[in-house]
């Protein structure tokens, strides 16, 4: 019976890694805009939610419980003219952990440079071969593919490659346009910097660690003896020492730490870390997230 259950789970993992869609919540916050027609923002929120959830990103139709849960929160900071906006966007996604009700954060991105154009009730149509001209669906579609890539990478080694390459194509289409936030020349935390760093060979260590952390680590913590799962997580994290001398310039590494640091702290806070060198892990996390030394890493026993 255990073998059959494992086979069923393994098959489900394979299917999910090949056939993903999203269950997205979209929020548009316009509190900073005063004396303006707010109906356009309500319409934008609905149109984006329908666009993300109803577009067939992978060519597969899944039940809601199979879809990736995610949030897109757009904060409008200014309105320039009738249909031009400046904003920031927070993109979050979670992943279920096997045999538990726990959902692990996959990514938590705060993109502060999201200018776009939108006319109320316009059709939102994505063409992966070219830039839309308005930046709205380009940014949203880029992050959809990033979410798909991260989720698939957590279930299968490099399983998200095809989706990350699609995100890179969206990014390349958006280069040399009038909208900021794409070019690697603008800084280390642009959309271009994120995807270019993710797909290059030097990120194999990070993506391998990402897979091991989730599939070999978290998915084994439902066992009565959590030692093997914790050790797999520890080993995955220690692989990140590869980046400790230049991680400040590596957006994906910083994103992983920012997204996972609370979870990492909680995983090793119960003191049941017998087969783990907690001192080595404390040192590593103190390097990657020094602002949390007193509030987190020094509290580990």
C-alpha atoms as a PDB file:
ATOM      1  CA  UNK A   1       0.000   0.000   0.000  1.00  0.00           C
ATOM      2  CA  UNK A   2       2.797   2.429   0.879  1.00  0.00           C
ATOM      3  CA  UNK A   3       4.406   1.777  -2.488  1.00  0.00           C
ATOM      4  CA  UNK A   4       1.116   2.471  -4.250  1.00  0.00           C
ATOM      5  CA  UNK A   5       0.641   5.709  -2.312  1.00  0.00           C
ATOM      6  CA  UNK A   6       4.155   6.798  -3.152  1.00  0.00           C
ATOM      7  CA  UNK A   7       3.616   5.984  -6.831  1.00  0.00           C
ATOM      8  CA  UNK A   8       0.379   7.983  -6.807  1.00  0.00           C
ATOM      9  CA  UNK A   9       2.160  10.937  -5.235  1.00  0.00           C
ATOM     10  CA  UNK A  10       5.083  10.704  -7.632  1.00  0.00           C
ATOM     11  CA  UNK A  11       2.755  10.659 -10.629  1.00  0.00           C
ATOM     12  CA  UNK A  12       0.900  13.663  -9.288  1.00  0.00           C
ATOM     13  CA  UNK A  13       4.194  15.503  -8.860  1.00  0.00           C
ATOM     14  CA  UNK A  14       5.124  14.701 -12.460  1.00  0.00           C
ATOM     15  CA  UNK A  15       1.808  15.929 -13.759  1.00  0.00           C
ATOM     16  CA  UNK A  16       1.939  19.113 -11.677  1.00  0.00           C
ATOM     17  CA  UNK A  17       5.445  19.856 -12.858  1.00  0.00           C
ATOM     18  CA  UNK A  18       4.320  19.610 -16.466  1.00  0.00           C
ATOM     19  CA  UNK A  19       0.812  21.085 -16.210  1.00  0.00           C
ATOM     20  CA  UNK A  20       0.496  24.151 -14.073  1.00  0.00           C
ATOM     21  CA  UNK A  21      -1.963  27.014 -13.999  1.00  0.00           C
ATOM     22  CA  UNK A  22      -2.657  29.727 -11.497  1.00  0.00           C
ATOM     23  CA  UNK A  23      -5.284  30.531  -8.892  1.00  0.00           C
ATOM     24  CA  UNK A  24      -4.495  34.205  -8.500  1.00  0.00           C
ATOM     25  CA  UNK A  25      -5.837  36.864  -6.210  1.00  0.00           C
ATOM     26  CA  UNK A  26      -5.408  40.387  -7.609  1.00  0.00           C
ATOM     27  CA  UNK A  27      -5.645  43.601  -5.625  1.00  0.00           C
ATOM     28  CA  UNK A  28      -5.296  47.150  -6.932  1.00  0.00           C
ATOM     29  CA  UNK A  29      -4.711  49.740  -4.225  1.00  0.00           C
ATOM     30  CA  UNK A  30      -5.456  53.323  -5.288  1.00  0.00           C
ATOM     31  CA  UNK A  31      -5.472  55.031  -1.876  1.00  0.00           C
ATOM     32  CA  UNK A  32      -2.707  57.406  -2.972  1.00  0.00           C
ATOM     33  CA  UNK A  33      -4.811  58.725  -5.851  1.00  0.00           C
ATOM     34  CA  UNK A  34      -7.234  61.438  -4.769  1.00  0.00           C
ATOM     35  CA  UNK A  35      -9.931  63.214  -6.745  1.00  0.00           C
ATOM     36  CA  UNK A  36      -9.868  60.618  -9.485  1.00  0.00           C
ATOM     37  CA  UNK A  37     -12.390  58.277 -11.039  1.00  0.00           C
ATOM     38  CA  UNK A  38     -11.807  55.065  -9.100  1.00  0.00           C
ATOM     39  CA  UNK A  39     -13.957  52.848 -11.297  1.00  0.00           C
ATOM     40  CA  UNK A  40     -11.040  52.356 -13.668  1.00  0.00           C
ATOM     41  CA  UNK A  41      -9.041  50.744 -10.844  1.00  0.00           C
ATOM     42  CA  UNK A  42     -11.874  48.403  -9.916  1.00  0.00           C
ATOM     43  CA  UNK A  43     -12.196  47.408 -13.559  1.00  0.00           C
ATOM     44  CA  UNK A  44      -8.431  46.930 -13.814  1.00  0.00           C
ATOM     45  CA  UNK A  45      -8.478  44.611 -10.801  1.00  0.00           C
ATOM     46  CA  UNK A  46     -11.203  42.426 -12.300  1.00  0.00           C
ATOM     47  CA  UNK A  47      -9.668  42.417 -15.771  1.00  0.00           C
ATOM     48  CA  UNK A  48      -6.269  41.387 -14.457  1.00  0.00           C
ATOM     49  CA  UNK A  49      -7.727  38.647 -12.269  1.00  0.00           C
ATOM     50  CA  UNK A  50      -9.624  37.247 -15.257  1.00  0.00           C
ATOM     51  CA  UNK A  51      -6.582  37.608 -17.512  1.00  0.00           C
ATOM     52  CA  UNK A  52      -4.273  35.701 -15.164  1.00  0.00           C
ATOM     53  CA  UNK A  53      -6.713  32.986 -14.162  1.00  0.00           C
ATOM     54  CA  UNK A  54      -8.391  32.392 -17.531  1.00  0.00           C
ATOM     55  CA  UNK A  55      -5.374  32.481 -19.830  1.00  0.00           C
ATOM     56  CA  UNK A  56      -4.074  29.031 -20.725  1.00  0.00           C
ATOM     57  CA  UNK A  57      -0.419  29.561 -19.862  1.00  0.00           C
ATOM     58  CA  UNK A  58       0.558  25.896 -20.116  1.00  0.00           C
ATOM     59  CA  UNK A  59      -2.087  24.442 -22.400  1.00  0.00           C
ATOM     60  CA  UNK A  60      -3.586  22.392 -19.570  1.00  0.00           C
ATOM     61  CA  UNK A  61      -6.852  22.715 -17.671  1.00  0.00           C
ATOM     62  CA  UNK A  62      -6.624  21.840 -13.996  1.00  0.00           C
ATOM     63  CA  UNK A  63      -8.951  21.688 -11.048  1.00  0.00           C
ATOM     64  CA  UNK A  64      -8.667  24.565  -8.581  1.00  0.00           C
ATOM     65  CA  UNK A  65      -6.923  22.418  -5.956  1.00  0.00           C
ATOM     66  CA  UNK A  66      -4.187  21.644  -8.499  1.00  0.00           C
ATOM     67  CA  UNK A  67      -3.445  25.264  -9.350  1.00  0.00           C
ATOM     68  CA  UNK A  68      -0.685  27.451  -7.945  1.00  0.00           C
ATOM     69  CA  UNK A  69      -1.946  29.918  -5.364  1.00  0.00           C
ATOM     70  CA  UNK A  70      -0.530  33.393  -5.866  1.00  0.00           C
ATOM     71  CA  UNK A  71      -1.152  37.080  -5.194  1.00  0.00           C
ATOM     72  CA  UNK A  72      -0.590  40.148  -7.346  1.00  0.00           C
ATOM     73  CA  UNK A  73      -0.885  43.393  -5.362  1.00  0.00           C
ATOM     74  CA  UNK A  74      -0.571  46.609  -7.354  1.00  0.00           C
ATOM     75  CA  UNK A  75      -0.180  49.924  -5.529  1.00  0.00           C
ATOM     76  CA  UNK A  76      -0.956  52.900  -7.778  1.00  0.00           C
ATOM     77  CA  UNK A  77       1.318  55.794  -6.808  1.00  0.00           C
ATOM     78  CA  UNK A  78       0.402  58.376  -9.449  1.00  0.00           C
ATOM     79  CA  UNK A  79      -1.818  58.965 -12.456  1.00  0.00           C
ATOM     80  CA  UNK A  80      -0.431  60.842 -15.420  1.00  0.00           C
ATOM     81  CA  UNK A  81      -3.090  61.740 -17.945  1.00  0.00           C
ATOM     82  CA  UNK A  82      -6.164  59.605 -18.472  1.00  0.00           C
ATOM     83  CA  UNK A  83      -4.538  56.209 -18.955  1.00  0.00           C
ATOM     84  CA  UNK A  84      -0.913  56.360 -17.738  1.00  0.00           C
ATOM     85  CA  UNK A  85       0.006  55.163 -14.259  1.00  0.00           C
ATOM     86  CA  UNK A  86       3.000  54.672 -12.033  1.00  0.00           C
ATOM     87  CA  UNK A  87       2.871  51.858  -9.512  1.00  0.00           C
ATOM     88  CA  UNK A  88       4.654  49.137  -7.628  1.00  0.00           C
ATOM     89  CA  UNK A  89       3.684  45.460  -7.577  1.00  0.00           C
ATOM     90  CA  UNK A  90       4.098  42.716  -5.004  1.00  0.00           C
ATOM     91  CA  UNK A  91       4.055  39.176  -6.391  1.00  0.00           C
ATOM     92  CA  UNK A  92       3.728  36.192  -4.057  1.00  0.00           C
ATOM     93  CA  UNK A  93       3.227  32.472  -4.569  1.00  0.00           C
ATOM     94  CA  UNK A  94       3.018  29.428  -2.306  1.00  0.00           C
ATOM     95  CA  UNK A  95       3.506  25.700  -2.716  1.00  0.00           C
ATOM     96  CA  UNK A  96       1.737  22.913  -0.800  1.00  0.00           C
ATOM     97  CA  UNK A  97       3.912  20.612   1.287  1.00  0.00           C
ATOM     98  CA  UNK A  98       3.226  16.905   0.918  1.00  0.00           C
ATOM     99  CA  UNK A  99       0.909  15.315   3.469  1.00  0.00           C
ATOM    100  CA  UNK A 100       0.306  18.547   5.380  1.00  0.00           C
ATOM    101  CA  UNK A 101      -1.824  21.670   5.332  1.00  0.00           C
ATOM    102  CA  UNK A 102       1.254  23.869   5.290  1.00  0.00           C
ATOM    103  CA  UNK A 103       1.927  26.088   2.276  1.00  0.00           C
ATOM    104  CA  UNK A 104       5.538  27.113   1.758  1.00  0.00           C
ATOM    105  CA  UNK A 105       6.337  30.533   0.244  1.00  0.00           C
ATOM    106  CA  UNK A 106       7.921  30.160  -3.181  1.00  0.00           C
ATOM    107  CA  UNK A 107       8.672  33.798  -3.840  1.00  0.00           C
ATOM    108  CA  UNK A 108       7.853  37.227  -2.490  1.00  0.00           C
ATOM    109  CA  UNK A 109       8.835  39.973  -4.926  1.00  0.00           C
ATOM    110  CA  UNK A 110       8.428  43.684  -4.352  1.00  0.00           C
ATOM    111  CA  UNK A 111       8.862  45.387  -7.730  1.00  0.00           C
ATOM    112  CA  UNK A 112       8.840  49.139  -7.110  1.00  0.00           C
ATOM    113  CA  UNK A 113       9.143  50.218 -10.753  1.00  0.00           C
ATOM    114  CA  UNK A 114       5.961  49.348 -12.639  1.00  0.00           C
ATOM    115  CA  UNK A 115       4.734  52.106 -14.984  1.00  0.00           C
ATOM    116  CA  UNK A 116       1.964  51.117 -17.385  1.00  0.00           C
ATOM    117  CA  UNK A 117      -0.915  52.285 -19.537  1.00  0.00           C
ATOM    118  CA  UNK A 118      -4.478  51.036 -19.252  1.00  0.00           C
ATOM    119  CA  UNK A 119      -7.797  52.107 -20.718  1.00  0.00           C
ATOM    120  CA  UNK A 120     -10.889  50.968 -18.863  1.00  0.00           C
ATOM    121  CA  UNK A 121     -12.433  47.765 -20.239  1.00  0.00           C
ATOM    122  CA  UNK A 122      -9.725  47.235 -22.855  1.00  0.00           C
ATOM    123  CA  UNK A 123      -9.043  43.641 -23.860  1.00  0.00           C
ATOM    124  CA  UNK A 124      -5.905  42.211 -22.280  1.00  0.00           C
ATOM    125  CA  UNK A 125      -4.224  39.996 -24.853  1.00  0.00           C
ATOM    126  CA  UNK A 126      -0.763  38.504 -24.408  1.00  0.00           C
ATOM    127  CA  UNK A 127       1.555  37.845 -27.356  1.00  0.00           C
ATOM    128  CA  UNK A 128       4.772  36.182 -26.260  1.00  0.00           C
ATOM    129  CA  UNK A 129       6.497  37.177 -29.512  1.00  0.00           C
ATOM    130  CA  UNK A 130       6.345  40.942 -29.058  1.00  0.00           C
ATOM    131  CA  UNK A 131       6.049  43.782 -26.574  1.00  0.00           C
ATOM    132  CA  UNK A 132       2.476  44.966 -26.027  1.00  0.00           C
ATOM    133  CA  UNK A 133       3.321  48.662 -26.120  1.00  0.00           C
ATOM    134  CA  UNK A 134       1.662  49.360 -22.758  1.00  0.00           C
ATOM    135  CA  UNK A 135       3.797  47.347 -20.294  1.00  0.00           C
ATOM    136  CA  UNK A 136       0.828  46.111 -18.249  1.00  0.00           C
ATOM    137  CA  UNK A 137       0.392  42.592 -19.567  1.00  0.00           C
ATOM    138  CA  UNK A 138       4.128  42.288 -20.197  1.00  0.00           C
ATOM    139  CA  UNK A 139       4.979  42.698 -16.516  1.00  0.00           C
ATOM    140  CA  UNK A 140       2.092  40.498 -15.391  1.00  0.00           C
ATOM    141  CA  UNK A 141       2.916  37.762 -17.929  1.00  0.00           C
ATOM    142  CA  UNK A 142       6.584  37.911 -16.988  1.00  0.00           C
ATOM    143  CA  UNK A 143       5.750  37.215 -13.353  1.00  0.00           C
ATOM    144  CA  UNK A 144       3.268  34.495 -14.277  1.00  0.00           C
ATOM    145  CA  UNK A 145       6.052  32.603 -16.042  1.00  0.00           C
ATOM    146  CA  UNK A 146       8.435  33.238 -13.149  1.00  0.00           C
ATOM    147  CA  UNK A 147       5.873  31.720 -10.771  1.00  0.00           C
ATOM    148  CA  UNK A 148       5.417  28.720 -13.054  1.00  0.00           C
ATOM    149  CA  UNK A 149       9.179  28.270 -13.231  1.00  0.00           C
ATOM    150  CA  UNK A 150       9.703  28.481  -9.484  1.00  0.00           C
ATOM    151  CA  UNK A 151       6.895  26.050  -8.758  1.00  0.00           C
ATOM    152  CA  UNK A 152       8.108  23.491 -11.290  1.00  0.00           C
ATOM    153  CA  UNK A 153      11.703  23.803 -10.037  1.00  0.00           C
ATOM    154  CA  UNK A 154      10.489  22.911  -6.539  1.00  0.00           C
ATOM    155  CA  UNK A 155       9.050  19.591  -7.745  1.00  0.00           C
ATOM    156  CA  UNK A 156      11.563  18.518 -10.369  1.00  0.00           C
ATOM    157  CA  UNK A 157      15.222  19.351 -10.858  1.00  0.00           C
ATOM    158  CA  UNK A 158      15.268  22.233 -13.349  1.00  0.00           C
ATOM    159  CA  UNK A 159      11.627  21.446 -14.075  1.00  0.00           C
ATOM    160  CA  UNK A 160      10.810  25.101 -14.617  1.00  0.00           C
ATOM    161  CA  UNK A 161      13.310  25.739 -17.406  1.00  0.00           C
ATOM    162  CA  UNK A 162      10.727  26.137 -20.174  1.00  0.00           C
ATOM    163  CA  UNK A 163       8.733  28.677 -18.156  1.00  0.00           C
ATOM    164  CA  UNK A 164      11.802  30.645 -17.112  1.00  0.00           C
ATOM    165  CA  UNK A 165      12.874  30.801 -20.753  1.00  0.00           C
ATOM    166  CA  UNK A 166       9.444  32.209 -21.623  1.00  0.00           C
ATOM    167  CA  UNK A 167       9.886  34.827 -18.898  1.00  0.00           C
ATOM    168  CA  UNK A 168      13.266  35.667 -20.380  1.00  0.00           C
ATOM    169  CA  UNK A 169      11.671  36.081 -23.805  1.00  0.00           C
ATOM    170  CA  UNK A 170       9.133  38.516 -22.353  1.00  0.00           C
ATOM    171  CA  UNK A 171      12.003  40.403 -20.739  1.00  0.00           C
ATOM    172  CA  UNK A 172      13.962  40.541 -23.986  1.00  0.00           C
ATOM    173  CA  UNK A 173      10.893  41.791 -25.853  1.00  0.00           C
ATOM    174  CA  UNK A 174      10.622  44.608 -23.316  1.00  0.00           C
ATOM    175  CA  UNK A 175      14.213  45.831 -23.565  1.00  0.00           C
ATOM    176  CA  UNK A 176      14.850  49.226 -25.171  1.00  0.00           C
ATOM    177  CA  UNK A 177      11.221  50.255 -24.700  1.00  0.00           C
ATOM    178  CA  UNK A 178      10.065  53.437 -22.967  1.00  0.00           C
ATOM    179  CA  UNK A 179       9.232  51.643 -19.707  1.00  0.00           C
ATOM    180  CA  UNK A 180      11.659  51.315 -16.831  1.00  0.00           C
ATOM    181  CA  UNK A 181      12.226  48.263 -14.653  1.00  0.00           C
ATOM    182  CA  UNK A 182      13.470  45.846 -17.321  1.00  0.00           C
ATOM    183  CA  UNK A 183      17.087  46.637 -18.163  1.00  0.00           C
ATOM    184  CA  UNK A 184      19.984  45.170 -16.214  1.00  0.00           C
ATOM    185  CA  UNK A 185      21.634  48.558 -16.722  1.00  0.00           C
ATOM    186  CA  UNK A 186      19.110  50.088 -14.308  1.00  0.00           C
ATOM    187  CA  UNK A 187      20.305  48.087 -11.313  1.00  0.00           C
ATOM    188  CA  UNK A 188      20.675  44.650  -9.753  1.00  0.00           C
ATOM    189  CA  UNK A 189      16.969  44.189  -8.917  1.00  0.00           C
ATOM    190  CA  UNK A 190      15.261  44.725 -12.243  1.00  0.00           C
ATOM    191  CA  UNK A 191      13.159  42.126 -13.967  1.00  0.00           C
ATOM    192  CA  UNK A 192      15.937  41.581 -16.490  1.00  0.00           C
ATOM    193  CA  UNK A 193      18.454  41.032 -13.696  1.00  0.00           C
ATOM    194  CA  UNK A 194      16.160  38.495 -12.060  1.00  0.00           C
ATOM    195  CA  UNK A 195      15.536  36.305 -15.074  1.00  0.00           C
ATOM    196  CA  UNK A 196      19.002  36.593 -16.635  1.00  0.00           C
ATOM    197  CA  UNK A 197      20.571  35.479 -13.361  1.00  0.00           C
ATOM    198  CA  UNK A 198      18.093  32.633 -12.972  1.00  0.00           C
ATOM    199  CA  UNK A 199      18.731  30.991 -16.325  1.00  0.00           C
ATOM    200  CA  UNK A 200      22.496  31.367 -16.529  1.00  0.00           C
ATOM    201  CA  UNK A 201      24.753  28.438 -15.668  1.00  0.00           C
ATOM    202  CA  UNK A 202      25.995  30.004 -12.429  1.00  0.00           C
ATOM    203  CA  UNK A 203      22.474  29.625 -11.007  1.00  0.00           C
ATOM    204  CA  UNK A 204      22.521  25.832 -11.273  1.00  0.00           C
ATOM    205  CA  UNK A 205      23.698  25.655  -7.656  1.00  0.00           C
ATOM    206  CA  UNK A 206      20.796  27.818  -6.478  1.00  0.00           C
ATOM    207  CA  UNK A 207      18.196  25.924  -8.495  1.00  0.00           C
ATOM    208  CA  UNK A 208      19.563  22.568  -7.360  1.00  0.00           C
ATOM    209  CA  UNK A 209      19.365  23.773  -3.755  1.00  0.00           C
ATOM    210  CA  UNK A 210      15.847  25.086  -4.361  1.00  0.00           C
ATOM    211  CA  UNK A 211      14.699  21.657  -5.568  1.00  0.00           C
ATOM    212  CA  UNK A 212      16.401  19.766  -2.727  1.00  0.00           C
ATOM    213  CA  UNK A 213      15.070  22.193  -0.112  1.00  0.00           C
ATOM    214  CA  UNK A 214      11.462  21.570  -1.182  1.00  0.00           C
ATOM    215  CA  UNK A 215      11.263  18.074  -2.631  1.00  0.00           C
ATOM    216  CA  UNK A 216      13.839  16.271  -0.507  1.00  0.00           C
ATOM    217  CA  UNK A 217      13.442  18.446   2.580  1.00  0.00           C
ATOM    218  CA  UNK A 218      10.022  19.970   3.187  1.00  0.00           C
ATOM    219  CA  UNK A 219       8.123  17.102   1.560  1.00  0.00           C
ATOM    220  CA  UNK A 220       9.705  14.693   4.043  1.00  0.00           C
ATOM    221  CA  UNK A 221       8.905  16.628   7.214  1.00  0.00           C
ATOM    222  CA  UNK A 222       5.528  14.913   7.635  1.00  0.00           C
ATOM    223  CA  UNK A 223       7.348  11.775   8.792  1.00  0.00           C
ATOM    224  CA  UNK A 224       7.439  10.971  12.490  1.00  0.00           C
ATOM    225  CA  UNK A 225      11.212  11.270  12.325  1.00  0.00           C
ATOM    226  CA  UNK A 226      11.973  14.623  10.704  1.00  0.00           C
ATOM    227  CA  UNK A 227      15.725  14.217  10.859  1.00  0.00           C
ATOM    228  CA  UNK A 228      16.198  13.218   7.200  1.00  0.00           C
ATOM    229  CA  UNK A 229      14.024  16.069   5.968  1.00  0.00           C
ATOM    230  CA  UNK A 230      15.806  18.625   8.126  1.00  0.00           C
ATOM    231  CA  UNK A 231      19.192  17.304   7.054  1.00  0.00           C
ATOM    232  CA  UNK A 232      18.171  17.638   3.390  1.00  0.00           C
ATOM    233  CA  UNK A 233      17.143  21.253   4.005  1.00  0.00           C
ATOM    234  CA  UNK A 234      20.388  21.943   5.857  1.00  0.00           C
ATOM    235  CA  UNK A 235      22.461  20.403   3.054  1.00  0.00           C
ATOM    236  CA  UNK A 236      20.544  22.408   0.446  1.00  0.00           C
ATOM    237  CA  UNK A 237      21.141  25.655   2.306  1.00  0.00           C
ATOM    238  CA  UNK A 238      24.828  24.944   2.792  1.00  0.00           C
ATOM    239  CA  UNK A 239      25.207  24.676  -0.994  1.00  0.00           C
ATOM    240  CA  UNK A 240      24.503  28.403  -1.073  1.00  0.00           C
ATOM    241  CA  UNK A 241      27.960  29.062   0.392  1.00  0.00           C
ATOM    242  CA  UNK A 242      28.922  29.098  -3.287  1.00  0.00           C
ATOM    243  CA  UNK A 243      27.416  32.612  -3.448  1.00  0.00           C
ATOM    244  CA  UNK A 244      28.516  34.070  -0.119  1.00  0.00           C
ATOM    245  CA  UNK A 245      31.199  36.349  -1.608  1.00  0.00           C
ATOM    246  CA  UNK A 246      29.006  38.020  -4.230  1.00  0.00           C
ATOM    247  CA  UNK A 247      25.392  37.365  -3.232  1.00  0.00           C
ATOM    248  CA  UNK A 248      24.659  41.109  -2.891  1.00  0.00           C
ATOM    249  CA  UNK A 249      24.760  41.348  -6.698  1.00  0.00           C
ATOM    250  CA  UNK A 250      22.727  38.185  -7.288  1.00  0.00           C
ATOM    251  CA  UNK A 251      19.019  38.991  -7.242  1.00  0.00           C
ATOM    252  CA  UNK A 252      17.720  35.369  -7.226  1.00  0.00           C
ATOM    253  CA  UNK A 253      19.864  34.483  -4.203  1.00  0.00           C
ATOM    254  CA  UNK A 254      18.662  37.557  -2.321  1.00  0.00           C
ATOM    255  CA  UNK A 255      15.093  36.775  -3.308  1.00  0.00           C
ATOM    256  CA  UNK A 256      15.410  33.225  -1.973  1.00  0.00           C
ATOM    257  CA  UNK A 257      16.740  34.438   1.371  1.00  0.00           C
ATOM    258  CA  UNK A 258      14.145  37.208   1.684  1.00  0.00           C
ATOM    259  CA  UNK A 259      11.326  34.782   0.862  1.00  0.00           C
ATOM    260  CA  UNK A 260      12.507  31.886   3.002  1.00  0.00           C
ATOM    261  CA  UNK A 261      14.242  33.370   6.037  1.00  0.00           C
ATOM    262  CA  UNK A 262      11.201  33.223   8.352  1.00  0.00           C
ATOM    263  CA  UNK A 263      10.510  29.652   7.305  1.00  0.00           C
ATOM    264  CA  UNK A 264      14.162  28.662   7.741  1.00  0.00           C
ATOM    265  CA  UNK A 265      14.249  30.192  11.199  1.00  0.00           C
ATOM    266  CA  UNK A 266      11.079  28.390  12.272  1.00  0.00           C
ATOM    267  CA  UNK A 267      12.234  25.040  10.878  1.00  0.00           C
ATOM    268  CA  UNK A 268      15.291  24.954  13.127  1.00  0.00           C
ATOM    269  CA  UNK A 269      13.846  26.705  16.183  1.00  0.00           C
ATOM    270  CA  UNK A 270      12.512  23.637  17.984  1.00  0.00           C
ATOM    271  CA  UNK A 271      15.982  22.515  19.050  1.00  0.00           C
ATOM    272  CA  UNK A 272      15.527  19.071  17.463  1.00  0.00           C
ATOM    273  CA  UNK A 273      18.589  19.454  15.228  1.00  0.00           C
ATOM    274  CA  UNK A 274      20.692  16.519  16.344  1.00  0.00           C
ATOM    275  CA  UNK A 275      22.264  15.649  12.979  1.00  0.00           C
ATOM    276  CA  UNK A 276      22.803  19.274  11.907  1.00  0.00           C
ATOM    277  CA  UNK A 277      25.654  21.645  12.644  1.00  0.00           C
ATOM    278  CA  UNK A 278      23.497  24.575  13.684  1.00  0.00           C
ATOM    279  CA  UNK A 279      26.607  26.727  14.125  1.00  0.00           C
ATOM    280  CA  UNK A 280      27.449  26.396  10.431  1.00  0.00           C
ATOM    281  CA  UNK A 281      23.872  27.257   9.478  1.00  0.00           C
ATOM    282  CA  UNK A 282      23.854  30.235  11.867  1.00  0.00           C
ATOM    283  CA  UNK A 283      27.048  31.537  10.293  1.00  0.00           C
ATOM    284  CA  UNK A 284      25.694  31.149   6.775  1.00  0.00           C
ATOM    285  CA  UNK A 285      22.377  32.870   7.507  1.00  0.00           C
ATOM    286  CA  UNK A 286      24.138  35.654   9.394  1.00  0.00           C
ATOM    287  CA  UNK A 287      26.142  36.328   6.251  1.00  0.00           C
ATOM    288  CA  UNK A 288      23.102  36.343   3.968  1.00  0.00           C
ATOM    289  CA  UNK A 289      20.774  38.205   6.330  1.00  0.00           C
ATOM    290  CA  UNK A 290      22.830  40.124   8.912  1.00  0.00           C
ATOM    291  CA  UNK A 291      19.907  42.320   9.972  1.00  0.00           C
ATOM    292  CA  UNK A 292      18.265  39.203  11.442  1.00  0.00           C
ATOM    293  CA  UNK A 293      21.225  38.070  13.551  1.00  0.00           C
ATOM    294  CA  UNK A 294      19.716  39.122  16.876  1.00  0.00           C
ATOM    295  CA  UNK A 295      16.063  38.522  16.044  1.00  0.00           C
ATOM    296  CA  UNK A 296      16.593  35.094  14.467  1.00  0.00           C
ATOM    297  CA  UNK A 297      19.951  33.396  14.001  1.00  0.00           C
ATOM    298  CA  UNK A 298      21.418  33.965  17.482  1.00  0.00           C
ATOM    299  CA  UNK A 299      18.273  32.499  19.017  1.00  0.00           C
ATOM    300  CA  UNK A 300      19.011  29.073  17.558  1.00  0.00           C
ATOM    301  CA  UNK A 301      20.286  26.613  20.147  1.00  0.00           C
END
